[in-house]
Amino acid sequence: VLFLIGRARPAVVWDAYNEGCSVRILNPHTYSTSVWKLLSTLQEYFGSLVGANTYLTPPGSQGFAPHYGMNKYICT
């Protein structure tokens, strides 16, 4: 796990990824219109607020240990 304060620099992020770290992007809908549109559609369908995170895990690595959460999740 790599926790740095400040802006994520691409070279630092890719170095950590290449060393086996997962990359998590919070609120990807801020950067992607297609994700924003998907969340908008899901909110309308379910009548509830929805959010998204994006995870990129290197081959042969595991992002998280098995766990459960109290929220409802859709994983793709």
PDB file of N, CA and C in Angstrom:
ATOM      1  N   VAL A   1       0.856  -1.170   0.000  1.00  0.00           N
ATOM      2  CA  VAL A   1       0.000   0.000   0.000  1.00  0.00           C
ATOM      3  C   VAL A   1       0.898   1.227   0.000  1.00  0.00           C
ATOM      4  N   LEU A   2       0.590   2.129  -0.882  1.00  0.00           N
ATOM      5  CA  LEU A   2       1.372   3.353  -1.010  1.00  0.00           C
ATOM      6  C   LEU A   2       0.445   4.533  -0.762  1.00  0.00           C
ATOM      7  N   PHE A   3       0.688   5.261   0.308  1.00  0.00           N
ATOM      8  CA  PHE A   3      -0.104   6.451   0.609  1.00  0.00           C
ATOM      9  C   PHE A   3       0.811   7.665   0.536  1.00  0.00           C
ATOM     10  N   LEU A   4       0.557   8.514  -0.419  1.00  0.00           N
ATOM     11  CA  LEU A   4       1.329   9.740  -0.553  1.00  0.00           C
ATOM     12  C   LEU A   4       0.391  10.932  -0.450  1.00  0.00           C
ATOM     13  N   ILE A   5       0.891  12.010   0.072  1.00  0.00           N
ATOM     14  CA  ILE A   5       0.109  13.237   0.167  1.00  0.00           C
ATOM     15  C   ILE A   5       0.389  14.071  -1.076  1.00  0.00           C
ATOM     16  N   GLY A   6      -0.650  14.671  -1.613  1.00  0.00           N
ATOM     17  CA  GLY A   6      -0.477  15.536  -2.770  1.00  0.00           C
ATOM     18  C   GLY A   6      -0.980  14.893  -4.045  1.00  0.00           C
ATOM     19  N   ARG A   7      -0.553  15.454  -5.126  1.00  0.00           N
ATOM     20  CA  ARG A   7      -1.015  15.042  -6.442  1.00  0.00           C
ATOM     21  C   ARG A   7      -0.376  13.715  -6.868  1.00  0.00           C
ATOM     22  N   ALA A   8      -1.184  12.877  -7.503  1.00  0.00           N
ATOM     23  CA  ALA A   8      -0.670  11.604  -8.017  1.00  0.00           C
ATOM     24  C   ALA A   8       0.091  11.866  -9.311  1.00  0.00           C
ATOM     25  N   ARG A   9       1.344  11.554  -9.318  1.00  0.00           N
ATOM     26  CA  ARG A   9       2.175  11.719 -10.514  1.00  0.00           C
ATOM     27  C   ARG A   9       2.193  10.405 -11.291  1.00  0.00           C
ATOM     28  N   PRO A  10       1.936  10.453 -12.604  1.00  0.00           N
ATOM     29  CA  PRO A  10       1.858   9.215 -13.394  1.00  0.00           C
ATOM     30  C   PRO A  10       3.052   8.283 -13.214  1.00  0.00           C
ATOM     31  N   ALA A  11       4.257   8.803 -13.219  1.00  0.00           N
ATOM     32  CA  ALA A  11       5.433   7.941 -13.097  1.00  0.00           C
ATOM     33  C   ALA A  11       5.446   7.201 -11.764  1.00  0.00           C
ATOM     34  N   VAL A  12       5.069   7.886 -10.686  1.00  0.00           N
ATOM     35  CA  VAL A  12       5.036   7.268  -9.359  1.00  0.00           C
ATOM     36  C   VAL A  12       3.942   6.208  -9.299  1.00  0.00           C
ATOM     37  N   VAL A  13       2.770   6.529  -9.846  1.00  0.00           N
ATOM     38  CA  VAL A  13       1.649   5.579  -9.847  1.00  0.00           C
ATOM     39  C   VAL A  13       2.014   4.328 -10.638  1.00  0.00           C
ATOM     40  N   TRP A  14       2.567   4.484 -11.836  1.00  0.00           N
ATOM     41  CA  TRP A  14       2.911   3.318 -12.662  1.00  0.00           C
ATOM     42  C   TRP A  14       4.045   2.511 -12.047  1.00  0.00           C
ATOM     43  N   ASP A  15       4.999   3.164 -11.390  1.00  0.00           N
ATOM     44  CA  ASP A  15       6.057   2.418 -10.696  1.00  0.00           C
ATOM     45  C   ASP A  15       5.456   1.539  -9.604  1.00  0.00           C
ATOM     46  N   ALA A  16       4.534   2.094  -8.818  1.00  0.00           N
ATOM     47  CA  ALA A  16       3.882   1.312  -7.763  1.00  0.00           C
ATOM     48  C   ALA A  16       3.067   0.170  -8.364  1.00  0.00           C
ATOM     49  N   TYR A  17       2.343   0.445  -9.443  1.00  0.00           N
ATOM     50  CA  TYR A  17       1.564  -0.594 -10.133  1.00  0.00           C
ATOM     51  C   TYR A  17       2.482  -1.718 -10.608  1.00  0.00           C
ATOM     52  N   ASN A  18       3.594  -1.368 -11.211  1.00  0.00           N
ATOM     53  CA  ASN A  18       4.535  -2.370 -11.713  1.00  0.00           C
ATOM     54  C   ASN A  18       5.194  -3.171 -10.599  1.00  0.00           C
ATOM     55  N   GLU A  19       5.146  -2.649  -9.370  1.00  0.00           N
ATOM     56  CA  GLU A  19       5.662  -3.373  -8.208  1.00  0.00           C
ATOM     57  C   GLU A  19       4.571  -4.190  -7.518  1.00  0.00           C
ATOM     58  N   GLY A  20       3.350  -4.217  -8.103  1.00  0.00           N
ATOM     59  CA  GLY A  20       2.282  -5.061  -7.577  1.00  0.00           C
ATOM     60  C   GLY A  20       1.177  -4.343  -6.839  1.00  0.00           C
ATOM     61  N   CYS A  21       1.235  -3.024  -6.748  1.00  0.00           N
ATOM     62  CA  CYS A  21       0.185  -2.265  -6.053  1.00  0.00           C
ATOM     63  C   CYS A  21      -1.024  -2.053  -6.963  1.00  0.00           C
ATOM     64  N   SER A  22      -2.206  -2.083  -6.375  1.00  0.00           N
ATOM     65  CA  SER A  22      -3.420  -1.718  -7.101  1.00  0.00           C
ATOM     66  C   SER A  22      -3.552  -0.202  -7.134  1.00  0.00           C
ATOM     67  N   VAL A  23      -4.218   0.282  -8.153  1.00  0.00           N
ATOM     68  CA  VAL A  23      -4.491   1.715  -8.281  1.00  0.00           C
ATOM     69  C   VAL A  23      -5.988   1.910  -8.087  1.00  0.00           C
ATOM     70  N   ARG A  24      -6.356   2.824  -7.209  1.00  0.00           N
ATOM     71  CA  ARG A  24      -7.770   3.131  -6.985  1.00  0.00           C
ATOM     72  C   ARG A  24      -8.025   4.571  -7.412  1.00  0.00           C
ATOM     73  N   ILE A  25      -9.045   4.741  -8.255  1.00  0.00           N
ATOM     74  CA  ILE A  25      -9.461   6.076  -8.682  1.00  0.00           C
ATOM     75  C   ILE A  25     -10.822   6.348  -8.053  1.00  0.00           C
ATOM     76  N   LEU A  26     -10.881   7.354  -7.203  1.00  0.00           N
ATOM     77  CA  LEU A  26     -12.138   7.737  -6.566  1.00  0.00           C
ATOM     78  C   LEU A  26     -12.913   8.654  -7.497  1.00  0.00           C
ATOM     79  N   ASN A  27     -14.217   8.502  -7.506  1.00  0.00           N
ATOM     80  CA  ASN A  27     -15.096   9.358  -8.309  1.00  0.00           C
ATOM     81  C   ASN A  27     -14.688   9.432  -9.781  1.00  0.00           C
ATOM     82  N   PRO A  28     -14.584   8.296 -10.458  1.00  0.00           N
ATOM     83  CA  PRO A  28     -14.157   8.332 -11.861  1.00  0.00           C
ATOM     84  C   PRO A  28     -15.107   9.111 -12.764  1.00  0.00           C
ATOM     85  N   HIS A  29     -16.349   9.291 -12.316  1.00  0.00           N
ATOM     86  CA  HIS A  29     -17.316  10.055 -13.111  1.00  0.00           C
ATOM     87  C   HIS A  29     -16.918  11.526 -13.234  1.00  0.00           C
ATOM     88  N   THR A  30     -16.005  11.981 -12.386  1.00  0.00           N
ATOM     89  CA  THR A  30     -15.473  13.332 -12.504  1.00  0.00           C
ATOM     90  C   THR A  30     -14.641  13.477 -13.774  1.00  0.00           C
ATOM     91  N   TYR A  31     -14.054  12.372 -14.221  1.00  0.00           N
ATOM     92  CA  TYR A  31     -13.128  12.392 -15.353  1.00  0.00           C
ATOM     93  C   TYR A  31     -13.681  11.724 -16.607  1.00  0.00           C
ATOM     94  N   SER A  32     -14.786  11.002 -16.479  1.00  0.00           N
ATOM     95  CA  SER A  32     -15.313  10.219 -17.604  1.00  0.00           C
ATOM     96  C   SER A  32     -16.804  10.477 -17.785  1.00  0.00           C
ATOM     97  N   THR A  33     -17.165  11.029 -18.931  1.00  0.00           N
ATOM     98  CA  THR A  33     -18.574  11.283 -19.230  1.00  0.00           C
ATOM     99  C   THR A  33     -19.366   9.986 -19.309  1.00  0.00           C
ATOM    100  N   SER A  34     -18.774   8.924 -19.843  1.00  0.00           N
ATOM    101  CA  SER A  34     -19.506   7.658 -19.962  1.00  0.00           C
ATOM    102  C   SER A  34     -19.820   7.068 -18.590  1.00  0.00           C
ATOM    103  N   VAL A  35     -18.904   7.181 -17.628  1.00  0.00           N
ATOM    104  CA  VAL A  35     -19.188   6.702 -16.267  1.00  0.00           C
ATOM    105  C   VAL A  35     -20.253   7.585 -15.637  1.00  0.00           C
ATOM    106  N   TRP A  36     -20.178   8.892 -15.851  1.00  0.00           N
ATOM    107  CA  TRP A  36     -21.188   9.811 -15.317  1.00  0.00           C
ATOM    108  C   TRP A  36     -22.573   9.443 -15.842  1.00  0.00           C
ATOM    109  N   LYS A  37     -22.675   9.171 -17.141  1.00  0.00           N
ATOM    110  CA  LYS A  37     -23.966   8.801 -17.733  1.00  0.00           C
ATOM    111  C   LYS A  37     -24.484   7.489 -17.155  1.00  0.00           C
ATOM    112  N   LEU A  38     -23.599   6.517 -16.959  1.00  0.00           N
ATOM    113  CA  LEU A  38     -24.005   5.241 -16.360  1.00  0.00           C
ATOM    114  C   LEU A  38     -24.546   5.457 -14.953  1.00  0.00           C
ATOM    115  N   LEU A  39     -23.843   6.226 -14.134  1.00  0.00           N
ATOM    116  CA  LEU A  39     -24.306   6.486 -12.770  1.00  0.00           C
ATOM    117  C   LEU A  39     -25.630   7.235 -12.765  1.00  0.00           C
ATOM    118  N   SER A  40     -25.795   8.169 -13.676  1.00  0.00           N
ATOM    119  CA  SER A  40     -27.051   8.904 -13.782  1.00  0.00           C
ATOM    120  C   SER A  40     -28.206   7.956 -14.087  1.00  0.00           C
ATOM    121  N   THR A  41     -27.983   7.036 -15.006  1.00  0.00           N
ATOM    122  CA  THR A  41     -29.007   6.050 -15.364  1.00  0.00           C
ATOM    123  C   THR A  41     -29.327   5.141 -14.181  1.00  0.00           C
ATOM    124  N   LEU A  42     -28.293   4.681 -13.469  1.00  0.00           N
ATOM    125  CA  LEU A  42     -28.512   3.809 -12.309  1.00  0.00           C
ATOM    126  C   LEU A  42     -29.257   4.542 -11.197  1.00  0.00           C
ATOM    127  N   GLN A  43     -28.925   5.807 -10.966  1.00  0.00           N
ATOM    128  CA  GLN A  43     -29.630   6.585  -9.945  1.00  0.00           C
ATOM    129  C   GLN A  43     -31.106   6.708 -10.276  1.00  0.00           C
ATOM    130  N   GLU A  44     -31.393   6.970 -11.534  1.00  0.00           N
ATOM    131  CA  GLU A  44     -32.791   7.092 -11.947  1.00  0.00           C
ATOM    132  C   GLU A  44     -33.513   5.752 -11.797  1.00  0.00           C
ATOM    133  N   TYR A  45     -32.867   4.677 -12.200  1.00  0.00           N
ATOM    134  CA  TYR A  45     -33.488   3.350 -12.152  1.00  0.00           C
ATOM    135  C   TYR A  45     -33.765   2.911 -10.715  1.00  0.00           C
ATOM    136  N   PHE A  46     -32.768   3.062  -9.837  1.00  0.00           N
ATOM    137  CA  PHE A  46     -32.908   2.599  -8.458  1.00  0.00           C
ATOM    138  C   PHE A  46     -33.553   3.637  -7.541  1.00  0.00           C
ATOM    139  N   GLY A  47     -33.657   4.886  -7.989  1.00  0.00           N
ATOM    140  CA  GLY A  47     -34.214   5.931  -7.141  1.00  0.00           C
ATOM    141  C   GLY A  47     -33.356   6.191  -5.920  1.00  0.00           C
ATOM    142  N   SER A  48     -32.043   6.080  -6.093  1.00  0.00           N
ATOM    143  CA  SER A  48     -31.117   6.209  -4.976  1.00  0.00           C
ATOM    144  C   SER A  48     -29.798   6.777  -5.480  1.00  0.00           C
ATOM    145  N   LEU A  49     -29.063   7.416  -4.586  1.00  0.00           N
ATOM    146  CA  LEU A  49     -27.737   7.892  -4.958  1.00  0.00           C
ATOM    147  C   LEU A  49     -26.812   6.708  -5.199  1.00  0.00           C
ATOM    148  N   VAL A  50     -25.953   6.817  -6.176  1.00  0.00           N
ATOM    149  CA  VAL A  50     -24.945   5.793  -6.445  1.00  0.00           C
ATOM    150  C   VAL A  50     -23.594   6.480  -6.617  1.00  0.00           C
ATOM    151  N   GLY A  51     -22.555   5.727  -6.451  1.00  0.00           N
ATOM    152  CA  GLY A  51     -21.205   6.243  -6.631  1.00  0.00           C
ATOM    153  C   GLY A  51     -20.353   5.183  -7.291  1.00  0.00           C
ATOM    154  N   ALA A  52     -19.129   5.536  -7.597  1.00  0.00           N
ATOM    155  CA  ALA A  52     -18.240   4.590  -8.268  1.00  0.00           C
ATOM    156  C   ALA A  52     -16.801   4.800  -7.827  1.00  0.00           C
ATOM    157  N   ASN A  53     -16.072   3.723  -7.823  1.00  0.00           N
ATOM    158  CA  ASN A  53     -14.620   3.719  -7.691  1.00  0.00           C
ATOM    159  C   ASN A  53     -14.096   2.838  -8.808  1.00  0.00           C
ATOM    160  N   THR A  54     -12.890   3.074  -9.222  1.00  0.00           N
ATOM    161  CA  THR A  54     -12.255   2.254 -10.250  1.00  0.00           C
ATOM    162  C   THR A  54     -10.979   1.667  -9.666  1.00  0.00           C
ATOM    163  N   TYR A  55     -10.779   0.370  -9.895  1.00  0.00           N
ATOM    164  CA  TYR A  55      -9.599  -0.320  -9.393  1.00  0.00           C
ATOM    165  C   TYR A  55      -8.852  -0.965 -10.548  1.00  0.00           C
ATOM    166  N   LEU A  56      -7.553  -0.814 -10.558  1.00  0.00           N
ATOM    167  CA  LEU A  56      -6.689  -1.445 -11.542  1.00  0.00           C
ATOM    168  C   LEU A  56      -5.650  -2.246 -10.762  1.00  0.00           C
ATOM    169  N   THR A  57      -5.727  -3.572 -10.880  1.00  0.00           N
ATOM    170  CA  THR A  57      -4.839  -4.461 -10.140  1.00  0.00           C
ATOM    171  C   THR A  57      -3.940  -5.202 -11.116  1.00  0.00           C
ATOM    172  N   PRO A  58      -2.642  -5.228 -10.847  1.00  0.00           N
ATOM    173  CA  PRO A  58      -1.722  -5.907 -11.759  1.00  0.00           C
ATOM    174  C   PRO A  58      -1.991  -7.411 -11.819  1.00  0.00           C
ATOM    175  N   PRO A  59      -1.659  -8.039 -12.945  1.00  0.00           N
ATOM    176  CA  PRO A  59      -1.802  -9.498 -13.042  1.00  0.00           C
ATOM    177  C   PRO A  59      -1.012 -10.186 -11.929  1.00  0.00           C
ATOM    178  N   GLY A  60      -1.602 -11.229 -11.363  1.00  0.00           N
ATOM    179  CA  GLY A  60      -0.930 -11.985 -10.315  1.00  0.00           C
ATOM    180  C   GLY A  60      -0.973 -11.329  -8.950  1.00  0.00           C
ATOM    181  N   SER A  61      -1.703 -10.221  -8.819  1.00  0.00           N
ATOM    182  CA  SER A  61      -1.821  -9.521  -7.538  1.00  0.00           C
ATOM    183  C   SER A  61      -3.259  -9.588  -7.052  1.00  0.00           C
ATOM    184  N   GLN A  62      -3.446  -9.276  -5.781  1.00  0.00           N
ATOM    185  CA  GLN A  62      -4.784  -9.221  -5.202  1.00  0.00           C
ATOM    186  C   GLN A  62      -4.950  -7.857  -4.563  1.00  0.00           C
ATOM    187  N   GLY A  63      -6.005  -7.144  -4.972  1.00  0.00           N
ATOM    188  CA  GLY A  63      -6.218  -5.795  -4.473  1.00  0.00           C
ATOM    189  C   GLY A  63      -6.579  -5.730  -3.006  1.00  0.00           C
ATOM    190  N   PHE A  64      -7.480  -6.590  -2.568  1.00  0.00           N
ATOM    191  CA  PHE A  64      -7.945  -6.583  -1.191  1.00  0.00           C
ATOM    192  C   PHE A  64      -8.037  -8.010  -0.681  1.00  0.00           C
ATOM    193  N   ALA A  65      -7.881  -8.163   0.614  1.00  0.00           N
ATOM    194  CA  ALA A  65      -8.175  -9.453   1.231  1.00  0.00           C
ATOM    195  C   ALA A  65      -9.690  -9.650   1.175  1.00  0.00           C
ATOM    196  N   PRO A  66     -10.167 -10.896   1.187  1.00  0.00           N
ATOM    197  CA  PRO A  66     -11.623 -11.107   1.200  1.00  0.00           C
ATOM    198  C   PRO A  66     -12.259 -10.346   2.366  1.00  0.00           C
ATOM    199  N   HIS A  67     -13.373  -9.682   2.090  1.00  0.00           N
ATOM    200  CA  HIS A  67     -14.053  -8.896   3.109  1.00  0.00           C
ATOM    201  C   HIS A  67     -15.495  -8.663   2.678  1.00  0.00           C
ATOM    202  N   TYR A  68     -16.272  -8.061   3.551  1.00  0.00           N
ATOM    203  CA  TYR A  68     -17.637  -7.676   3.197  1.00  0.00           C
ATOM    204  C   TYR A  68     -17.871  -6.259   3.690  1.00  0.00           C
ATOM    205  N   GLY A  69     -18.855  -5.620   3.094  1.00  0.00           N
ATOM    206  CA  GLY A  69     -19.209  -4.272   3.499  1.00  0.00           C
ATOM    207  C   GLY A  69     -20.704  -4.187   3.753  1.00  0.00           C
ATOM    208  N   MET A  70     -21.117  -3.148   4.414  1.00  0.00           N
ATOM    209  CA  MET A  70     -22.531  -2.969   4.746  1.00  0.00           C
ATOM    210  C   MET A  70     -23.287  -2.272   3.622  1.00  0.00           C
ATOM    211  N   ASN A  71     -22.587  -1.780   2.614  1.00  0.00           N
ATOM    212  CA  ASN A  71     -23.228  -1.130   1.476  1.00  0.00           C
ATOM    213  C   ASN A  71     -23.616  -2.160   0.434  1.00  0.00           C
ATOM    214  N   LYS A  72     -24.392  -1.743  -0.520  1.00  0.00           N
ATOM    215  CA  LYS A  72     -24.757  -2.594  -1.653  1.00  0.00           C
ATOM    216  C   LYS A  72     -23.784  -2.299  -2.784  1.00  0.00           C
ATOM    217  N   TYR A  73     -23.241  -3.337  -3.378  1.00  0.00           N
ATOM    218  CA  TYR A  73     -22.227  -3.164  -4.417  1.00  0.00           C
ATOM    219  C   TYR A  73     -22.622  -3.860  -5.700  1.00  0.00           C
ATOM    220  N   ILE A  74     -22.229  -3.275  -6.797  1.00  0.00           N
ATOM    221  CA  ILE A  74     -22.278  -3.925  -8.103  1.00  0.00           C
ATOM    222  C   ILE A  74     -20.839  -3.922  -8.596  1.00  0.00           C
ATOM    223  N   CYS A  75     -20.274  -5.078  -8.782  1.00  0.00           N
ATOM    224  CA  CYS A  75     -18.889  -5.176  -9.250  1.00  0.00           C
ATOM    225  C   CYS A  75     -18.878  -5.690 -10.674  1.00  0.00           C
ATOM    226  N   THR A  76     -18.097  -5.036 -11.505  1.00  0.00           N
ATOM    227  CA  THR A  76     -17.958  -5.499 -12.885  1.00  0.00           C
ATOM    228  C   THR A  76     -16.501  -5.663 -13.222  1.00  0.00           C
TER     229      THR A  76
END
